[in-house]
Amino acid sequence: MRVIKVRNVNDAFYRGIELFTIKSNFRKQMSRNGSTLESNEPVVTVYLHPWERVLFDKDRDANPFFHLIESIWMLAGNRELHPLTYFNSGMSNFSDDGENLNGAYGYRWINKFGFDQIQMIIELLERDPESRRAVLQMWDCVHDLDSPSKDVPCNTQIFFKVRSGKLQMTVCNRSNDMIWGAYGANAVHMSILQEYIAAALDVRMGAYYQVSDSFHVYENKGWDSIKHKAGLFPTHKYPEVYPLVSNPQTFPFECENFIKDISGVLDTSTLKFPEYENHFFNEVLKPMVKAFVAHKERNYADADRYLSEIKANDWKVACTNWIEKRRTAYEKKHG
């Protein structure tokens, strides 16, 4: 078992790159998606500041809009494909029927098994903060074992416990791609879940432990673009973080409503938002979505204006970098 103990996802990213540049650490393995480098042993990543969840590496070029929208989509208990494809058209490749995602984590958290697991975990830990039974289940052994689906959950269970007034979280993962999964989407999705449950319990966030059984990278362009960074570590200070939850009671309902509000998005003229009780929706998510829509319309003046309105500095930096890279490529191509 290898342990990567870090402050945040940016530190973990460079430690992970370093792991796969030492040949004694991995083996080559073929998968249904091509050749991989797989760690010889499971990897546990320990995030001491899991709320510092945004990855800034420009070569990795993570899509911050998609990562955050998908996190809200999960907390809405949704499995429909169409709210996601506007922000990442590639998600359609993982749908079996072109309408839903079989392995949608949020749907499994809240709806699939006939009850809201998240709410039950909150109630359990409110009654007994010392409990060891707060287990959030994502793996369905009846339907997932040897399933032909394109989308079988990689994250299988999550354990929560309150210790010293902080909510600790341990996520178990059967198969974890370091670049696109572990130190990309997963670091955002799971830490946002952790922050919501901590807020509902009125406790602080503790450490986030990610247990990755098959920890790997794909030998493709994504790996080629970052492997030269082995041995480098970020030197910048992480920007100030904007709190996710200001009203835990209404937060899950506002996640549902927000996904409904953006599901029919076509252009900036049709995009209408109400005021939300949780300030993160008004001050961060709304301008982010408007900036993304303006980018899709190639209206970069409006995109810049909306980016400037994002109150969370970490998301503002990541969104600005992501749009600027595409703006530069577009203008280079079209003049």
Protein backbone atom coordinates (compact mmCIF):
# COMPACT_ATOMS: atom_id res chain seq x y z
CA MET A 1 0.00 0.00 0.00
CA ARG A 2 1.38 3.38 -1.05
CA VAL A 3 0.27 6.53 0.79
CA ILE A 4 0.35 9.98 -0.82
CA LYS A 5 -0.32 12.50 1.97
CA VAL A 6 -0.82 16.02 0.70
CA ARG A 7 -2.42 19.36 1.42
CA ASN A 8 -4.65 19.39 -1.67
CA VAL A 9 -5.29 18.01 -5.15
CA ASN A 10 -2.58 20.15 -6.77
CA ASP A 11 0.08 18.61 -4.54
CA ALA A 12 -1.35 15.12 -5.18
CA PHE A 13 -1.28 15.62 -8.96
CA TYR A 14 2.48 16.14 -9.10
CA ARG A 15 3.16 13.36 -6.61
CA GLY A 16 1.10 11.04 -8.82
CA ILE A 17 3.07 11.99 -11.92
CA GLU A 18 6.28 11.24 -10.08
CA LEU A 19 4.99 7.78 -9.10
CA PHE A 20 4.49 6.77 -12.75
CA THR A 21 7.92 7.94 -13.90
CA ILE A 22 9.69 5.36 -11.70
CA LYS A 23 9.51 2.01 -13.53
CA SER A 24 9.65 -0.11 -10.39
CA ASN A 25 6.36 1.43 -9.24
CA PHE A 26 4.10 0.14 -12.02
CA ARG A 27 3.32 -2.53 -14.58
CA LYS A 28 1.84 -2.19 -18.07
CA GLN A 29 -1.70 -3.48 -18.48
CA MET A 30 -4.09 -3.51 -21.40
CA SER A 31 -7.63 -2.31 -20.77
CA ARG A 32 -10.78 -1.85 -22.85
CA ASN A 33 -9.66 1.76 -23.39
CA GLY A 34 -6.05 1.06 -24.30
CA SER A 35 -2.71 0.54 -22.62
CA THR A 36 -2.28 1.68 -19.02
CA LEU A 37 0.47 2.00 -16.44
CA GLU A 38 -0.91 0.48 -13.24
CA SER A 39 0.58 0.96 -9.79
CA ASN A 40 1.95 -2.28 -8.36
CA GLU A 41 -0.01 -1.68 -5.17
CA PRO A 42 -3.14 0.19 -4.10
CA VAL A 43 -2.68 3.91 -3.48
CA VAL A 44 -4.21 5.91 -0.64
CA THR A 45 -4.34 9.67 -1.18
CA VAL A 46 -4.83 11.70 1.99
CA TYR A 47 -6.11 15.25 1.44
CA LEU A 48 -5.60 17.36 4.55
CA HIS A 49 -7.39 20.36 2.99
CA PRO A 50 -10.01 18.69 0.77
CA TRP A 51 -11.87 21.97 0.28
CA GLU A 52 -8.89 23.06 -1.87
CA ARG A 53 -10.34 20.97 -4.67
CA VAL A 54 -9.60 22.88 -7.89
CA LEU A 55 -6.69 21.68 -10.04
CA PHE A 56 -4.86 24.55 -11.77
CA ASP A 57 -2.31 22.77 -13.99
CA LYS A 58 -2.67 24.27 -17.48
CA ASP A 59 -1.31 21.22 -19.30
CA ARG A 60 -3.83 18.96 -17.57
CA ASP A 61 -6.47 21.51 -18.63
CA ALA A 62 -9.24 20.19 -16.36
CA ASN A 63 -12.71 21.49 -17.21
CA PRO A 64 -13.80 23.32 -14.03
CA PHE A 65 -17.28 24.05 -15.35
CA PHE A 66 -18.04 20.40 -15.94
CA HIS A 67 -16.51 19.22 -12.66
CA LEU A 68 -18.59 21.60 -10.58
CA ILE A 69 -21.84 21.18 -12.52
CA GLU A 70 -21.50 17.39 -12.33
CA SER A 71 -21.01 17.64 -8.56
CA ILE A 72 -24.26 19.59 -8.19
CA TRP A 73 -25.96 17.12 -10.57
CA MET A 74 -24.87 14.32 -8.23
CA LEU A 75 -26.25 16.03 -5.12
CA ALA A 76 -29.49 16.50 -7.04
CA GLY A 77 -29.76 12.70 -7.27
CA ASN A 78 -29.91 12.92 -11.05
CA ARG A 79 -28.94 10.35 -13.68
CA GLU A 80 -30.15 12.10 -16.84
CA LEU A 81 -27.47 12.65 -19.47
CA HIS A 82 -28.62 15.91 -21.05
CA PRO A 83 -27.76 18.31 -18.18
CA LEU A 84 -24.11 17.24 -18.55
CA THR A 85 -23.51 17.03 -22.30
CA TYR A 86 -23.76 20.80 -22.78
CA PHE A 87 -20.65 21.11 -20.60
CA ASN A 88 -18.93 17.90 -21.79
CA SER A 89 -20.25 16.25 -24.95
CA GLY A 90 -18.03 13.22 -24.32
CA MET A 91 -20.33 12.07 -21.50
CA SER A 92 -22.66 10.62 -24.14
CA ASN A 93 -20.06 7.90 -24.75
CA PHE A 94 -20.85 6.43 -21.33
CA SER A 95 -24.61 6.15 -21.70
CA ASP A 96 -26.18 2.80 -22.60
CA ASP A 97 -29.44 4.28 -23.89
CA GLY A 98 -28.52 7.86 -24.82
CA GLU A 99 -30.69 9.23 -22.02
CA ASN A 100 -29.30 8.14 -18.63
CA LEU A 101 -26.05 7.13 -16.95
CA ASN A 102 -26.19 3.71 -15.32
CA GLY A 103 -23.47 4.39 -12.74
CA ALA A 104 -24.57 7.91 -11.74
CA TYR A 105 -23.29 8.30 -8.19
CA GLY A 106 -25.85 10.84 -7.01
CA TYR A 107 -28.75 8.75 -8.27
CA ARG A 108 -27.37 5.82 -6.31
CA TRP A 109 -26.82 7.98 -3.23
CA ILE A 110 -30.37 9.30 -3.17
CA ASN A 111 -32.77 7.32 -5.36
CA LYS A 112 -31.66 3.95 -6.73
CA PHE A 113 -31.94 1.86 -3.57
CA GLY A 114 -35.32 3.26 -2.56
CA PHE A 115 -34.23 5.81 0.04
CA ASP A 116 -31.96 8.81 0.50
CA GLN A 117 -28.71 7.39 1.88
CA ILE A 118 -27.19 10.84 2.42
CA GLN A 119 -30.06 12.02 4.60
CA MET A 120 -29.97 8.78 6.59
CA ILE A 121 -26.21 9.20 7.17
CA ILE A 122 -26.74 12.77 8.37
CA GLU A 123 -29.45 11.62 10.79
CA LEU A 124 -27.29 8.70 11.99
CA LEU A 125 -24.28 10.92 12.73
CA GLU A 126 -26.48 13.53 14.40
CA ARG A 127 -27.73 10.84 16.81
CA ASP A 128 -24.36 9.16 17.24
CA PRO A 129 -21.29 11.10 16.09
CA GLU A 130 -19.08 8.17 17.21
CA SER A 131 -20.85 5.74 14.86
CA ARG A 132 -18.80 3.50 12.54
CA ARG A 133 -21.85 2.53 10.47
CA ALA A 134 -22.17 5.58 8.21
CA VAL A 135 -21.54 3.77 4.92
CA LEU A 136 -22.69 5.29 1.62
CA GLN A 137 -23.16 2.55 -0.98
CA MET A 138 -22.64 2.92 -4.72
CA TRP A 139 -21.93 -0.66 -5.83
CA ASP A 140 -24.97 -2.78 -6.64
CA CYS A 141 -23.76 -6.39 -6.61
CA VAL A 142 -26.95 -7.63 -8.29
CA HIS A 143 -26.58 -5.43 -11.37
CA ASP A 144 -22.93 -4.31 -11.44
CA LEU A 145 -21.01 -7.56 -11.05
CA ASP A 146 -20.04 -8.66 -14.58
CA SER A 147 -22.32 -5.98 -16.05
CA PRO A 148 -22.10 -5.21 -19.80
CA SER A 149 -22.89 -1.53 -19.11
CA LYS A 150 -20.59 1.21 -20.40
CA ASP A 151 -20.90 2.93 -17.02
CA VAL A 152 -20.22 0.78 -13.95
CA PRO A 153 -19.27 2.72 -10.78
CA CYS A 154 -15.55 3.06 -10.13
CA ASN A 155 -16.14 4.48 -6.65
CA THR A 156 -17.90 1.78 -4.67
CA GLN A 157 -18.43 2.90 -1.04
CA ILE A 158 -17.80 5.92 1.14
CA PHE A 159 -17.30 5.82 4.91
CA PHE A 160 -18.03 8.83 7.12
CA LYS A 161 -17.18 9.42 10.76
CA VAL A 162 -16.97 12.43 13.06
CA ARG A 163 -13.79 12.64 15.11
CA SER A 164 -12.58 15.64 17.15
CA GLY A 165 -15.41 17.74 15.76
CA LYS A 166 -14.48 17.09 12.12
CA LEU A 167 -16.09 14.95 9.43
CA GLN A 168 -13.61 12.43 8.01
CA MET A 169 -14.38 10.70 4.72
CA THR A 170 -12.89 7.55 3.18
CA VAL A 171 -13.75 6.79 -0.46
CA CYS A 172 -13.13 3.29 -1.85
CA ASN A 173 -12.40 3.01 -5.55
CA ARG A 174 -11.95 -0.20 -7.55
CA SER A 175 -10.38 1.46 -10.62
CA ASN A 176 -8.95 4.98 -10.57
CA ASP A 177 -7.40 6.82 -13.50
CA MET A 178 -5.05 9.31 -11.90
CA ILE A 179 -5.35 12.05 -14.54
CA TRP A 180 -9.06 12.20 -15.37
CA GLY A 181 -10.52 10.52 -12.29
CA ALA A 182 -8.61 10.63 -9.00
CA TYR A 183 -6.92 14.02 -9.32
CA GLY A 184 -9.54 15.53 -11.58
CA ALA A 185 -13.24 14.84 -11.21
CA ASN A 186 -13.15 12.69 -8.05
CA ALA A 187 -11.34 15.29 -5.94
CA VAL A 188 -14.13 17.77 -6.73
CA HIS A 189 -17.15 15.45 -6.55
CA MET A 190 -16.31 13.74 -3.30
CA SER A 191 -15.03 16.76 -1.40
CA ILE A 192 -18.21 18.65 -2.29
CA LEU A 193 -20.27 15.76 -0.90
CA GLN A 194 -18.10 15.87 2.22
CA GLU A 195 -18.55 19.62 2.61
CA TYR A 196 -22.33 19.37 2.32
CA ILE A 197 -22.60 16.60 4.94
CA ALA A 198 -20.22 18.47 7.28
CA ALA A 199 -22.37 21.60 6.95
CA ALA A 200 -25.55 19.60 7.61
CA LEU A 201 -23.91 18.22 10.78
CA ASP A 202 -22.54 21.65 11.74
CA VAL A 203 -18.98 20.32 11.99
CA ARG A 204 -15.77 21.17 10.13
CA MET A 205 -14.34 19.15 7.27
CA GLY A 206 -11.62 16.72 8.26
CA ALA A 207 -9.32 14.66 6.07
CA TYR A 208 -10.49 12.98 2.87
CA TYR A 209 -8.95 9.54 2.25
CA GLN A 210 -9.12 8.16 -1.31
CA VAL A 211 -8.36 4.41 -1.47
CA SER A 212 -7.60 3.50 -5.10
CA ASP A 213 -7.22 -0.24 -5.69
CA SER A 214 -6.18 -0.11 -9.37
CA PHE A 215 -4.42 3.26 -9.58
CA HIS A 216 -3.33 3.91 -13.16
CA VAL A 217 -2.78 6.28 -16.08
CA TYR A 218 -3.59 5.72 -19.73
CA GLU A 219 -0.64 5.81 -22.14
CA ASN A 220 -2.11 8.42 -24.43
CA LYS A 221 -1.86 12.09 -25.23
CA GLY A 222 -3.06 13.08 -21.76
CA TRP A 223 -0.14 11.32 -20.09
CA ASP A 224 2.34 12.53 -22.70
CA SER A 225 1.37 16.15 -22.00
CA ILE A 226 2.13 16.00 -18.27
CA LYS A 227 4.78 13.33 -17.61
CA HIS A 228 7.59 15.85 -18.04
CA LYS A 229 6.41 17.53 -14.82
CA ALA A 230 7.76 14.76 -12.60
CA GLY A 231 9.64 16.30 -9.69
CA LEU A 232 7.85 19.63 -9.95
CA PHE A 233 5.62 20.82 -7.14
CA PRO A 234 3.29 23.83 -6.99
CA THR A 235 4.67 26.87 -5.25
CA HIS A 236 1.63 29.14 -5.40
CA LYS A 237 -0.68 29.71 -2.46
CA TYR A 238 -4.15 28.28 -2.95
CA PRO A 239 -6.71 31.10 -3.41
CA GLU A 240 -9.30 31.91 -0.77
CA VAL A 241 -12.17 29.42 -0.74
CA TYR A 242 -15.85 30.43 -0.89
CA PRO A 243 -18.13 28.31 1.38
CA LEU A 244 -20.33 25.88 -0.53
CA VAL A 245 -23.29 25.73 1.86
CA SER A 246 -24.99 28.60 3.66
CA ASN A 247 -28.34 26.85 4.29
CA PRO A 248 -27.99 23.05 4.67
CA GLN A 249 -31.76 22.55 4.88
CA THR A 250 -32.43 23.96 1.42
CA PHE A 251 -29.15 23.00 -0.25
CA PRO A 252 -30.20 19.61 -1.72
CA PHE A 253 -33.44 21.09 -3.08
CA GLU A 254 -31.55 23.97 -4.64
CA CYS A 255 -29.19 21.48 -6.28
CA GLU A 256 -32.23 19.85 -7.89
CA ASN A 257 -33.67 23.19 -8.96
CA PHE A 258 -30.36 24.45 -10.34
CA ILE A 259 -30.01 21.39 -12.58
CA LYS A 260 -33.57 21.93 -13.79
CA ASP A 261 -32.80 25.61 -14.44
CA ILE A 262 -29.83 24.81 -16.69
CA SER A 263 -31.28 21.72 -18.39
CA GLY A 264 -32.88 23.72 -21.19
CA VAL A 265 -30.00 26.12 -21.71
CA LEU A 266 -29.62 27.24 -25.33
CA ASP A 267 -28.06 30.68 -25.16
CA THR A 268 -27.60 33.59 -22.78
CA SER A 269 -30.94 35.13 -23.77
CA THR A 270 -32.90 32.07 -22.57
CA LEU A 271 -30.87 31.48 -19.41
CA LYS A 272 -32.90 32.69 -16.44
CA PHE A 273 -32.01 32.08 -12.80
CA PRO A 274 -33.99 32.73 -9.62
CA GLU A 275 -32.33 33.85 -6.40
CA TYR A 276 -31.13 30.96 -4.26
CA GLU A 277 -30.84 30.83 -0.46
CA ASN A 278 -27.37 29.29 -0.70
CA HIS A 279 -25.07 32.10 -1.78
CA PHE A 280 -22.72 29.78 -3.69
CA PHE A 281 -25.38 29.36 -6.38
CA ASN A 282 -25.80 33.11 -6.82
CA GLU A 283 -22.18 34.18 -6.46
CA VAL A 284 -20.31 31.31 -8.09
CA LEU A 285 -22.46 28.88 -10.08
CA LYS A 286 -24.65 31.39 -11.90
CA PRO A 287 -21.81 33.52 -13.32
CA MET A 288 -19.85 30.34 -14.14
CA VAL A 289 -22.70 28.96 -16.23
CA LYS A 290 -23.24 32.32 -17.93
CA ALA A 291 -19.53 32.55 -18.75
CA PHE A 292 -19.57 29.06 -20.22
CA VAL A 293 -22.63 29.82 -22.36
CA ALA A 294 -20.99 33.03 -23.61
CA HIS A 295 -17.89 31.00 -24.47
CA LYS A 296 -20.03 28.56 -26.46
CA GLU A 297 -21.47 31.54 -28.34
CA ARG A 298 -17.92 32.88 -28.92
CA ASN A 299 -18.99 36.06 -27.11
CA TYR A 300 -15.79 36.57 -25.16
CA ALA A 301 -16.60 40.09 -24.00
CA ASP A 302 -19.60 38.74 -22.08
CA ALA A 303 -17.59 35.72 -20.96
CA ASP A 304 -14.97 38.01 -19.40
CA ARG A 305 -17.68 40.01 -17.66
CA TYR A 306 -19.28 36.94 -16.14
CA LEU A 307 -15.91 35.50 -15.12
CA SER A 308 -15.18 38.70 -13.22
CA GLU A 309 -18.39 38.17 -11.22
CA ILE A 310 -17.35 34.78 -9.81
CA LYS A 311 -16.80 35.33 -6.08
CA ALA A 312 -14.85 32.11 -5.44
CA ASN A 313 -11.26 32.90 -6.38
CA ASP A 314 -10.23 29.28 -6.99
CA TRP A 315 -13.06 28.66 -9.45
CA LYS A 316 -12.52 32.09 -11.04
CA VAL A 317 -8.85 31.34 -11.77
CA ALA A 318 -9.57 27.89 -13.18
CA CYS A 319 -12.51 29.05 -15.32
CA THR A 320 -10.59 32.03 -16.67
CA ASN A 321 -7.60 29.87 -17.63
CA TRP A 322 -9.83 27.28 -19.29
CA ILE A 323 -11.78 29.79 -21.39
CA GLU A 324 -8.68 31.81 -22.26
CA LYS A 325 -6.99 28.72 -23.70
CA ARG A 326 -9.98 28.06 -25.97
CA ARG A 327 -10.35 31.71 -26.86
CA THR A 328 -6.71 31.85 -27.97
CA ALA A 329 -7.09 28.70 -30.07
CA TYR A 330 -10.30 29.99 -31.65
CA GLU A 331 -8.85 33.39 -32.53
CA LYS A 332 -5.67 31.81 -33.90
CA LYS A 333 -7.76 29.63 -36.19
CA HIS A 334 -10.30 32.25 -37.28
CA GLY A 335 -8.30 35.44 -37.08
